[in-house]
């Protein structure tokens, strides 16, 4: 190898060495362990308790507004599915019924 000749190894030679792969592995393990405490911020209950804030977002005009999903225009989607004549229309009808019941 080039290391025994006293020359600098190429990038390919360095990345293929077992020592390099072991170093990358242990860096990934350390990164994962150090990021573990922030896992609580991914849980909705703990996010509101720890930050004391409500989810918000920005509308089209740039104003900060409470978080909410855009309403689905059910009639337009149902009409498009029926016109297509696909099996999608049966799935959409079932999902629409379930959504209506849950509201």
PDB file of N, CA and C in Angstrom:
ATOM      1  N   UNK A   1       0.833  -1.186   0.000  1.00  0.00           N
ATOM      2  CA  UNK A   1       0.000   0.000   0.000  1.00  0.00           C
ATOM      3  C   UNK A   1       0.871   1.240   0.000  1.00  0.00           C
ATOM      4  N   UNK A   2       0.210   2.356  -0.191  1.00  0.00           N
ATOM      5  CA  UNK A   2       0.953   3.617  -0.232  1.00  0.00           C
ATOM      6  C   UNK A   2       1.420   4.047   1.157  1.00  0.00           C
ATOM      7  N   UNK A   3       0.739   3.580   2.197  1.00  0.00           N
ATOM      8  CA  UNK A   3       1.145   3.978   3.546  1.00  0.00           C
ATOM      9  C   UNK A   3       2.530   3.444   3.895  1.00  0.00           C
ATOM     10  N   UNK A   4       2.850   2.253   3.433  1.00  0.00           N
ATOM     11  CA  UNK A   4       4.167   1.689   3.740  1.00  0.00           C
ATOM     12  C   UNK A   4       5.269   2.367   2.927  1.00  0.00           C
ATOM     13  N   UNK A   5       4.913   2.978   1.804  1.00  0.00           N
ATOM     14  CA  UNK A   5       5.899   3.682   0.986  1.00  0.00           C
ATOM     15  C   UNK A   5       6.166   5.097   1.475  1.00  0.00           C
ATOM     16  N   UNK A   6       5.403   5.564   2.438  1.00  0.00           N
ATOM     17  CA  UNK A   6       5.605   6.904   2.955  1.00  0.00           C
ATOM     18  C   UNK A   6       4.840   7.960   2.185  1.00  0.00           C
ATOM     19  N   UNK A   7       3.999   7.584   1.252  1.00  0.00           N
ATOM     20  CA  UNK A   7       3.217   8.537   0.491  1.00  0.00           C
ATOM     21  C   UNK A   7       1.844   8.728   1.138  1.00  0.00           C
ATOM     22  N   UNK A   8       1.208   9.832   0.800  1.00  0.00           N
ATOM     23  CA  UNK A   8      -0.126  10.098   1.325  1.00  0.00           C
ATOM     24  C   UNK A   8      -1.141   9.175   0.638  1.00  0.00           C
ATOM     25  N   UNK A   9      -2.068   8.585   1.407  1.00  0.00           N
ATOM     26  CA  UNK A   9      -3.088   7.735   0.782  1.00  0.00           C
ATOM     27  C   UNK A   9      -4.140   8.582   0.069  1.00  0.00           C
ATOM     28  N   UNK A  10      -4.771   8.001  -0.914  1.00  0.00           N
ATOM     29  CA  UNK A  10      -5.842   8.698  -1.603  1.00  0.00           C
ATOM     30  C   UNK A  10      -7.108   8.622  -0.757  1.00  0.00           C
ATOM     31  N   UNK A  11      -8.099   9.430  -1.138  1.00  0.00           N
ATOM     32  CA  UNK A  11      -9.365   9.432  -0.405  1.00  0.00           C
ATOM     33  C   UNK A  11     -10.014   8.050  -0.447  1.00  0.00           C
ATOM     34  N   UNK A  12      -9.964   7.403  -1.578  1.00  0.00           N
ATOM     35  CA  UNK A  12     -10.560   6.075  -1.719  1.00  0.00           C
ATOM     36  C   UNK A  12      -9.886   5.078  -0.796  1.00  0.00           C
ATOM     37  N   UNK A  13      -8.578   5.121  -0.715  1.00  0.00           N
ATOM     38  CA  UNK A  13      -7.855   4.195   0.168  1.00  0.00           C
ATOM     39  C   UNK A  13      -8.197   4.451   1.632  1.00  0.00           C
ATOM     40  N   UNK A  14      -8.355   5.737   1.988  1.00  0.00           N
ATOM     41  CA  UNK A  14      -8.689   6.044   3.385  1.00  0.00           C
ATOM     42  C   UNK A  14     -10.090   5.556   3.746  1.00  0.00           C
ATOM     43  N   UNK A  15     -11.053   5.757   2.842  1.00  0.00           N
ATOM     44  CA  UNK A  15     -12.431   5.379   3.168  1.00  0.00           C
ATOM     45  C   UNK A  15     -12.645   3.874   3.147  1.00  0.00           C
ATOM     46  N   UNK A  16     -11.771   3.138   2.507  1.00  0.00           N
ATOM     47  CA  UNK A  16     -11.918   1.688   2.468  1.00  0.00           C
ATOM     48  C   UNK A  16     -11.223   0.991   3.631  1.00  0.00           C
ATOM     49  N   UNK A  17     -10.482   1.713   4.437  1.00  0.00           N
ATOM     50  CA  UNK A  17      -9.765   1.074   5.536  1.00  0.00           C
ATOM     51  C   UNK A  17     -10.736   0.741   6.671  1.00  0.00           C
ATOM     52  N   UNK A  18     -10.509  -0.364   7.360  1.00  0.00           N
ATOM     53  CA  UNK A  18     -11.381  -0.748   8.477  1.00  0.00           C
ATOM     54  C   UNK A  18     -11.368   0.272   9.621  1.00  0.00           C
ATOM     55  N   UNK A  19     -10.246   0.922   9.833  1.00  0.00           N
ATOM     56  CA  UNK A  19     -10.162   1.913  10.910  1.00  0.00           C
ATOM     57  C   UNK A  19     -11.062   3.101  10.619  1.00  0.00           C
ATOM     58  N   UNK A  20     -11.079   3.561   9.378  1.00  0.00           N
ATOM     59  CA  UNK A  20     -11.943   4.676   8.992  1.00  0.00           C
ATOM     60  C   UNK A  20     -13.404   4.309   9.191  1.00  0.00           C
ATOM     61  N   UNK A  21     -13.794   3.110   8.767  1.00  0.00           N
ATOM     62  CA  UNK A  21     -15.178   2.664   8.922  1.00  0.00           C
ATOM     63  C   UNK A  21     -15.565   2.554  10.396  1.00  0.00           C
ATOM     64  N   UNK A  22     -14.632   2.093  11.239  1.00  0.00           N
ATOM     65  CA  UNK A  22     -14.901   2.006  12.671  1.00  0.00           C
ATOM     66  C   UNK A  22     -15.065   3.398  13.281  1.00  0.00           C
ATOM     67  N   UNK A  23     -14.247   4.341  12.842  1.00  0.00           N
ATOM     68  CA  UNK A  23     -14.355   5.717  13.348  1.00  0.00           C
ATOM     69  C   UNK A  23     -15.694   6.340  12.971  1.00  0.00           C
ATOM     70  N   UNK A  24     -16.137   6.126  11.736  1.00  0.00           N
ATOM     71  CA  UNK A  24     -17.427   6.656  11.305  1.00  0.00           C
ATOM     72  C   UNK A  24     -18.556   6.014  12.110  1.00  0.00           C
ATOM     73  N   UNK A  25     -18.463   4.704  12.334  1.00  0.00           N
ATOM     74  CA  UNK A  25     -19.495   4.021  13.120  1.00  0.00           C
ATOM     75  C   UNK A  25     -19.603   4.612  14.518  1.00  0.00           C
ATOM     76  N   UNK A  26     -18.470   4.792  15.198  1.00  0.00           N
ATOM     77  CA  UNK A  26     -18.519   5.294  16.570  1.00  0.00           C
ATOM     78  C   UNK A  26     -18.923   6.768  16.617  1.00  0.00           C
ATOM     79  N   UNK A  27     -18.637   7.516  15.574  1.00  0.00           N
ATOM     80  CA  UNK A  27     -19.138   8.892  15.513  1.00  0.00           C
ATOM     81  C   UNK A  27     -20.656   8.906  15.396  1.00  0.00           C
ATOM     82  N   UNK A  28     -21.205   7.991  14.610  1.00  0.00           N
ATOM     83  CA  UNK A  28     -22.663   7.908  14.470  1.00  0.00           C
ATOM     84  C   UNK A  28     -23.314   7.465  15.784  1.00  0.00           C
ATOM     85  N   UNK A  29     -22.680   6.541  16.490  1.00  0.00           N
ATOM     86  CA  UNK A  29     -23.209   6.101  17.781  1.00  0.00           C
ATOM     87  C   UNK A  29     -23.196   7.252  18.780  1.00  0.00           C
ATOM     88  N   UNK A  30     -22.106   7.987  18.843  1.00  0.00           N
ATOM     89  CA  UNK A  30     -22.002   9.123  19.757  1.00  0.00           C
ATOM     90  C   UNK A  30     -23.026  10.198  19.417  1.00  0.00           C
ATOM     91  N   UNK A  31     -23.205  10.489  18.126  1.00  0.00           N
ATOM     92  CA  UNK A  31     -24.191  11.477  17.693  1.00  0.00           C
ATOM     93  C   UNK A  31     -25.597  11.053  18.110  1.00  0.00           C
ATOM     94  N   UNK A  32     -25.911   9.778  17.937  1.00  0.00           N
ATOM     95  CA  UNK A  32     -27.221   9.275  18.340  1.00  0.00           C
ATOM     96  C   UNK A  32     -27.446   9.376  19.840  1.00  0.00           C
ATOM     97  N   UNK A  33     -26.421   9.066  20.619  1.00  0.00           N
ATOM     98  CA  UNK A  33     -26.558   9.132  22.071  1.00  0.00           C
ATOM     99  C   UNK A  33     -26.705  10.570  22.547  1.00  0.00           C
ATOM    100  N   UNK A  34     -26.004  11.497  21.919  1.00  0.00           N
ATOM    101  CA  UNK A  34     -26.104  12.899  22.327  1.00  0.00           C
ATOM    102  C   UNK A  34     -27.422  13.538  21.892  1.00  0.00           C
ATOM    103  N   UNK A  35     -28.053  13.000  20.864  1.00  0.00           N
ATOM    104  CA  UNK A  35     -29.333  13.557  20.425  1.00  0.00           C
ATOM    105  C   UNK A  35     -30.517  12.914  21.134  1.00  0.00           C
ATOM    106  N   UNK A  36     -30.301  11.894  21.930  1.00  0.00           N
ATOM    107  CA  UNK A  36     -31.384  11.196  22.629  1.00  0.00           C
ATOM    108  C   UNK A  36     -32.221  12.110  23.527  1.00  0.00           C
ATOM    109  N   UNK A  37     -31.648  13.047  24.296  1.00  0.00           N
ATOM    110  CA  UNK A  37     -32.492  13.899  25.149  1.00  0.00           C
ATOM    111  C   UNK A  37     -33.504  14.736  24.368  1.00  0.00           C
ATOM    112  N   UNK A  38     -33.228  15.034  23.113  1.00  0.00           N
ATOM    113  CA  UNK A  38     -34.134  15.855  22.319  1.00  0.00           C
ATOM    114  C   UNK A  38     -35.289  15.053  21.733  1.00  0.00           C
ATOM    115  N   UNK A  39     -35.309  13.759  21.973  1.00  0.00           N
ATOM    116  CA  UNK A  39     -36.398  12.911  21.497  1.00  0.00           C
ATOM    117  C   UNK A  39     -37.721  13.318  22.140  1.00  0.00           C
ATOM    118  N   UNK A  40     -37.677  13.829  23.358  1.00  0.00           N
ATOM    119  CA  UNK A  40     -38.905  14.247  24.041  1.00  0.00           C
ATOM    120  C   UNK A  40     -39.616  15.360  23.293  1.00  0.00           C
ATOM    121  N   UNK A  41     -38.894  16.194  22.554  1.00  0.00           N
ATOM    122  CA  UNK A  41     -39.526  17.285  21.821  1.00  0.00           C
ATOM    123  C   UNK A  41     -40.346  16.784  20.636  1.00  0.00           C
ATOM    124  N   UNK A  42     -40.189  15.534  20.251  1.00  0.00           N
ATOM    125  CA  UNK A  42     -40.973  14.970  19.160  1.00  0.00           C
ATOM    126  C   UNK A  42     -42.344  14.487  19.636  1.00  0.00           C
ATOM    127  N   UNK A  43     -42.528  14.324  20.927  1.00  0.00           N
ATOM    128  CA  UNK A  43     -43.807  13.892  21.474  1.00  0.00           C
ATOM    129  C   UNK A  43     -44.689  15.116  21.719  1.00  0.00           C
ATOM    130  N   UNK A  44     -45.922  15.127  21.192  1.00  0.00           N
ATOM    131  CA  UNK A  44     -46.761  16.333  21.263  1.00  0.00           C
ATOM    132  C   UNK A  44     -47.011  16.842  22.683  1.00  0.00           C
ATOM    133  N   UNK A  45     -47.270  15.959  23.628  1.00  0.00           N
ATOM    134  CA  UNK A  45     -47.559  16.400  24.992  1.00  0.00           C
ATOM    135  C   UNK A  45     -46.351  17.090  25.609  1.00  0.00           C
ATOM    136  N   UNK A  46     -45.177  16.455  25.491  1.00  0.00           N
ATOM    137  CA  UNK A  46     -43.982  17.027  26.090  1.00  0.00           C
ATOM    138  C   UNK A  46     -43.561  18.318  25.399  1.00  0.00           C
ATOM    139  N   UNK A  47     -43.838  18.430  24.111  1.00  0.00           N
ATOM    140  CA  UNK A  47     -43.491  19.660  23.399  1.00  0.00           C
ATOM    141  C   UNK A  47     -44.228  20.850  23.999  1.00  0.00           C
ATOM    142  N   UNK A  48     -45.526  20.694  24.258  1.00  0.00           N
ATOM    143  CA  UNK A  48     -46.278  21.816  24.815  1.00  0.00           C
ATOM    144  C   UNK A  48     -45.908  22.072  26.270  1.00  0.00           C
ATOM    145  N   UNK A  49     -45.571  21.037  27.023  1.00  0.00           N
ATOM    146  CA  UNK A  49     -45.196  21.212  28.428  1.00  0.00           C
ATOM    147  C   UNK A  49     -43.817  21.869  28.548  1.00  0.00           C
ATOM    148  N   UNK A  50     -42.883  21.428  27.726  1.00  0.00           N
ATOM    149  CA  UNK A  50     -41.515  21.940  27.844  1.00  0.00           C
ATOM    150  C   UNK A  50     -41.338  23.327  27.228  1.00  0.00           C
ATOM    151  N   UNK A  51     -42.052  23.624  26.160  1.00  0.00           N
ATOM    152  CA  UNK A  51     -41.855  24.915  25.499  1.00  0.00           C
ATOM    153  C   UNK A  51     -42.933  25.938  25.839  1.00  0.00           C
ATOM    154  N   UNK A  52     -44.049  25.511  26.402  1.00  0.00           N
ATOM    155  CA  UNK A  52     -45.166  26.388  26.749  1.00  0.00           C
ATOM    156  C   UNK A  52     -45.616  27.212  25.542  1.00  0.00           C
ATOM    157  N   UNK A  53     -45.687  26.565  24.386  1.00  0.00           N
ATOM    158  CA  UNK A  53     -46.105  27.266  23.183  1.00  0.00           C
ATOM    159  C   UNK A  53     -47.114  26.414  22.411  1.00  0.00           C
ATOM    160  N   UNK A  54     -47.864  27.078  21.571  1.00  0.00           N
ATOM    161  CA  UNK A  54     -48.836  26.398  20.726  1.00  0.00           C
ATOM    162  C   UNK A  54     -48.266  26.281  19.319  1.00  0.00           C
ATOM    163  N   UNK A  55     -48.617  25.190  18.630  1.00  0.00           N
ATOM    164  CA  UNK A  55     -48.148  25.078  17.244  1.00  0.00           C
ATOM    165  C   UNK A  55     -48.728  26.199  16.390  1.00  0.00           C
ATOM    166  N   UNK A  56     -47.917  26.779  15.564  1.00  0.00           N
ATOM    167  CA  UNK A  56     -48.366  27.853  14.687  1.00  0.00           C
ATOM    168  C   UNK A  56     -47.683  27.698  13.343  1.00  0.00           C
ATOM    169  N   UNK A  57     -48.113  28.488  12.413  1.00  0.00           N
ATOM    170  CA  UNK A  57     -47.527  28.460  11.085  1.00  0.00           C
ATOM    171  C   UNK A  57     -47.754  29.797  10.418  1.00  0.00           C
ATOM    172  N   UNK A  58     -47.388  29.888   9.162  1.00  0.00           N
ATOM    173  CA  UNK A  58     -47.534  31.127   8.417  1.00  0.00           C
ATOM    174  C   UNK A  58     -48.515  30.907   7.270  1.00  0.00           C
ATOM    175  N   UNK A  59     -49.388  31.872   7.068  1.00  0.00           N
ATOM    176  CA  UNK A  59     -50.320  31.776   5.952  1.00  0.00           C
ATOM    177  C   UNK A  59     -49.672  32.334   4.689  1.00  0.00           C
ATOM    178  N   UNK A  60     -50.462  32.450   3.621  1.00  0.00           N
ATOM    179  CA  UNK A  60     -49.919  32.912   2.340  1.00  0.00           C
ATOM    180  C   UNK A  60     -49.400  34.341   2.399  1.00  0.00           C
ATOM    181  N   UNK A  61     -49.938  35.139   3.309  1.00  0.00           N
ATOM    182  CA  UNK A  61     -49.560  36.545   3.407  1.00  0.00           C
ATOM    183  C   UNK A  61     -48.396  36.774   4.371  1.00  0.00           C
ATOM    184  N   UNK A  62     -47.899  35.717   4.984  1.00  0.00           N
ATOM    185  CA  UNK A  62     -46.756  35.836   5.876  1.00  0.00           C
ATOM    186  C   UNK A  62     -47.105  36.088   7.321  1.00  0.00           C
ATOM    187  N   UNK A  63     -48.397  36.069   7.661  1.00  0.00           N
ATOM    188  CA  UNK A  63     -48.807  36.296   9.043  1.00  0.00           C
ATOM    189  C   UNK A  63     -48.740  34.983   9.821  1.00  0.00           C
ATOM    190  N   UNK A  64     -48.313  35.069  11.060  1.00  0.00           N
ATOM    191  CA  UNK A  64     -48.250  33.896  11.928  1.00  0.00           C
ATOM    192  C   UNK A  64     -49.654  33.583  12.432  1.00  0.00           C
ATOM    193  N   UNK A  65     -50.129  32.378  12.166  1.00  0.00           N
ATOM    194  CA  UNK A  65     -51.491  31.983  12.523  1.00  0.00           C
ATOM    195  C   UNK A  65     -51.449  30.650  13.260  1.00  0.00           C
ATOM    196  N   UNK A  66     -52.508  30.305  14.026  1.00  0.00           N
ATOM    197  CA  UNK A  66     -52.548  28.985  14.672  1.00  0.00           C
ATOM    198  C   UNK A  66     -52.492  27.881  13.625  1.00  0.00           C
ATOM    199  N   UNK A  67     -51.878  26.774  13.994  1.00  0.00           N
ATOM    200  CA  UNK A  67     -51.714  25.664  13.063  1.00  0.00           C
ATOM    201  C   UNK A  67     -53.058  25.046  12.730  1.00  0.00           C
ATOM    202  N   UNK A  68     -53.271  24.789  11.478  1.00  0.00           N
ATOM    203  CA  UNK A  68     -54.492  24.114  11.035  1.00  0.00           C
ATOM    204  C   UNK A  68     -54.307  23.603   9.628  1.00  0.00           C
ATOM    205  N   UNK A  69     -54.945  22.493   9.339  1.00  0.00           N
ATOM    206  CA  UNK A  69     -54.873  21.934   8.000  1.00  0.00           C
ATOM    207  C   UNK A  69     -55.877  22.633   7.108  1.00  0.00           C
ATOM    208  N   UNK A  70     -55.558  22.740   5.843  1.00  0.00           N
ATOM    209  CA  UNK A  70     -56.489  23.343   4.905  1.00  0.00           C
ATOM    210  C   UNK A  70     -57.686  22.425   4.732  1.00  0.00           C
ATOM    211  N   UNK A  71     -58.882  22.999   4.618  1.00  0.00           N
ATOM    212  CA  UNK A  71     -60.056  22.151   4.447  1.00  0.00           C
ATOM    213  C   UNK A  71     -60.013  21.439   3.100  1.00  0.00           C
ATOM    214  N   UNK A  72     -60.481  20.197   3.116  1.00  0.00           N
ATOM    215  CA  UNK A  72     -60.509  19.395   1.897  1.00  0.00           C
ATOM    216  C   UNK A  72     -61.811  19.668   1.167  1.00  0.00           C
ATOM    217  N   UNK A  73     -61.722  19.922  -0.110  1.00  0.00           N
ATOM    218  CA  UNK A  73     -62.913  20.157  -0.920  1.00  0.00           C
ATOM    219  C   UNK A  73     -63.427  18.800  -1.381  1.00  0.00           C
ATOM    220  N   UNK A  74     -64.308  18.209  -0.584  1.00  0.00           N
ATOM    221  CA  UNK A  74     -64.724  16.831  -0.815  1.00  0.00           C
ATOM    222  C   UNK A  74     -65.512  16.671  -2.100  1.00  0.00           C
ATOM    223  N   UNK A  75     -66.314  17.619  -2.463  1.00  0.00           N
ATOM    224  CA  UNK A  75     -67.131  17.480  -3.656  1.00  0.00           C
ATOM    225  C   UNK A  75     -66.275  17.453  -4.921  1.00  0.00           C
ATOM    226  N   UNK A  76     -65.245  18.295  -4.974  1.00  0.00           N
ATOM    227  CA  UNK A  76     -64.391  18.328  -6.154  1.00  0.00           C
ATOM    228  C   UNK A  76     -63.593  17.043  -6.299  1.00  0.00           C
ATOM    229  N   UNK A  77     -63.065  16.551  -5.197  1.00  0.00           N
ATOM    230  CA  UNK A  77     -62.268  15.325  -5.243  1.00  0.00           C
ATOM    231  C   UNK A  77     -63.149  14.139  -5.583  1.00  0.00           C
ATOM    232  N   UNK A  78     -64.346  14.085  -5.008  1.00  0.00           N
ATOM    233  CA  UNK A  78     -65.252  12.978  -5.296  1.00  0.00           C
ATOM    234  C   UNK A  78     -65.680  13.002  -6.754  1.00  0.00           C
ATOM    235  N   UNK A  79     -65.947  14.169  -7.283  1.00  0.00           N
ATOM    236  CA  UNK A  79     -66.338  14.277  -8.682  1.00  0.00           C
ATOM    237  C   UNK A  79     -65.227  13.831  -9.614  1.00  0.00           C
ATOM    238  N   UNK A  80     -64.009  14.212  -9.304  1.00  0.00           N
ATOM    239  CA  UNK A  80     -62.877  13.810 -10.136  1.00  0.00           C
ATOM    240  C   UNK A  80     -62.663  12.306 -10.079  1.00  0.00           C
ATOM    241  N   UNK A  81     -62.880  11.712  -8.899  1.00  0.00           N
ATOM    242  CA  UNK A  81     -62.703  10.266  -8.762  1.00  0.00           C
ATOM    243  C   UNK A  81     -63.784   9.512  -9.513  1.00  0.00           C
ATOM    244  N   UNK A  82     -64.995  10.010  -9.479  1.00  0.00           N
ATOM    245  CA  UNK A  82     -66.086   9.343 -10.182  1.00  0.00           C
ATOM    246  C   UNK A  82     -65.903   9.445 -11.690  1.00  0.00           C
ATOM    247  N   UNK A  83     -65.393  10.591 -12.149  1.00  0.00           N
ATOM    248  CA  UNK A  83     -65.177  10.766 -13.578  1.00  0.00           C
ATOM    249  C   UNK A  83     -64.073   9.840 -14.074  1.00  0.00           C
ATOM    250  N   UNK A  84     -63.084   9.617 -13.247  1.00  0.00           N
ATOM    251  CA  UNK A  84     -61.979   8.755 -13.655  1.00  0.00           C
ATOM    252  C   UNK A  84     -62.441   7.308 -13.793  1.00  0.00           C
ATOM    253  N   UNK A  85     -63.466   6.909 -13.038  1.00  0.00           N
ATOM    254  CA  UNK A  85     -63.990   5.553 -13.130  1.00  0.00           C
ATOM    255  C   UNK A  85     -63.029   4.501 -12.600  1.00  0.00           C
ATOM    256  N   UNK A  86     -62.171   4.860 -11.681  1.00  0.00           N
ATOM    257  CA  UNK A  86     -61.194   3.921 -11.163  1.00  0.00           C
ATOM    258  C   UNK A  86     -61.676   3.323  -9.850  1.00  0.00           C
ATOM    259  N   UNK A  87     -60.900   2.375  -9.340  1.00  0.00           N
ATOM    260  CA  UNK A  87     -61.227   1.787  -8.041  1.00  0.00           C
ATOM    261  C   UNK A  87     -60.944   2.775  -6.915  1.00  0.00           C
ATOM    262  N   UNK A  88     -60.294   3.883  -7.273  1.00  0.00           N
ATOM    263  CA  UNK A  88     -60.013   4.930  -6.293  1.00  0.00           C
ATOM    264  C   UNK A  88     -61.311   5.476  -5.719  1.00  0.00           C
ATOM    265  N   UNK A  89     -62.371   5.508  -6.520  1.00  0.00           N
ATOM    266  CA  UNK A  89     -63.628   6.097  -6.073  1.00  0.00           C
ATOM    267  C   UNK A  89     -64.231   5.313  -4.905  1.00  0.00           C
ATOM    268  N   UNK A  90     -64.094   3.998  -4.905  1.00  0.00           N
ATOM    269  CA  UNK A  90     -64.638   3.216  -3.790  1.00  0.00           C
ATOM    270  C   UNK A  90     -63.836   3.467  -2.516  1.00  0.00           C
ATOM    271  N   UNK A  91     -62.515   3.561  -2.661  1.00  0.00           N
ATOM    272  CA  UNK A  91     -61.690   3.854  -1.493  1.00  0.00           C
ATOM    273  C   UNK A  91     -61.976   5.257  -0.974  1.00  0.00           C
ATOM    274  N   UNK A  92     -62.160   6.182  -1.882  1.00  0.00           N
ATOM    275  CA  UNK A  92     -62.453   7.544  -1.467  1.00  0.00           C
ATOM    276  C   UNK A  92     -63.795   7.613  -0.754  1.00  0.00           C
ATOM    277  N   UNK A  93     -64.797   6.901  -1.244  1.00  0.00           N
ATOM    278  CA  UNK A  93     -66.116   6.912  -0.615  1.00  0.00           C
ATOM    279  C   UNK A  93     -66.031   6.352   0.801  1.00  0.00           C
ATOM    280  N   UNK A  94     -65.272   5.280   0.981  1.00  0.00           N
ATOM    281  CA  UNK A  94     -65.116   4.696   2.317  1.00  0.00           C
ATOM    282  C   UNK A  94     -64.390   5.664   3.246  1.00  0.00           C
ATOM    283  N   UNK A  95     -63.321   6.284   2.756  1.00  0.00           N
ATOM    284  CA  UNK A  95     -62.571   7.228   3.587  1.00  0.00           C
ATOM    285  C   UNK A  95     -63.405   8.456   3.912  1.00  0.00           C
ATOM    286  N   UNK A  96     -64.197   8.907   2.976  1.00  0.00           N
ATOM    287  CA  UNK A  96     -65.061  10.067   3.204  1.00  0.00           C
ATOM    288  C   UNK A  96     -66.115   9.754   4.257  1.00  0.00           C
ATOM    289  N   UNK A  97     -66.679   8.554   4.220  1.00  0.00           N
ATOM    290  CA  UNK A  97     -67.667   8.149   5.214  1.00  0.00           C
ATOM    291  C   UNK A  97     -67.045   8.094   6.610  1.00  0.00           C
ATOM    292  N   UNK A  98     -65.864   7.522   6.703  1.00  0.00           N
ATOM    293  CA  UNK A  98     -65.194   7.414   8.002  1.00  0.00           C
ATOM    294  C   UNK A  98     -64.842   8.803   8.527  1.00  0.00           C
ATOM    295  N   UNK A  99     -64.367   9.671   7.666  1.00  0.00           N
ATOM    296  CA  UNK A  99     -64.017  11.032   8.076  1.00  0.00           C
ATOM    297  C   UNK A  99     -65.249  11.778   8.576  1.00  0.00           C
ATOM    298  N   UNK A 100     -66.365  11.595   7.891  1.00  0.00           N
ATOM    299  CA  UNK A 100     -67.602  12.246   8.313  1.00  0.00           C
ATOM    300  C   UNK A 100     -68.058  11.720   9.670  1.00  0.00           C
ATOM    301  N   UNK A 101     -67.925  10.430   9.893  1.00  0.00           N
ATOM    302  CA  UNK A 101     -68.322   9.863  11.192  1.00  0.00           C
ATOM    303  C   UNK A 101     -67.441  10.347  12.322  1.00  0.00           C
ATOM    304  N   UNK A 102     -66.150  10.533  12.043  1.00  0.00           N
ATOM    305  CA  UNK A 102     -65.238  10.973  13.090  1.00  0.00           C
ATOM    306  C   UNK A 102     -65.401  12.443  13.442  1.00  0.00           C
ATOM    307  N   UNK A 103     -65.964  13.211  12.553  1.00  0.00           N
ATOM    308  CA  UNK A 103     -66.168  14.627  12.850  1.00  0.00           C
ATOM    309  C   UNK A 103     -67.336  14.743  13.778  1.00  0.00           C
TER     310      UNK A 103
END
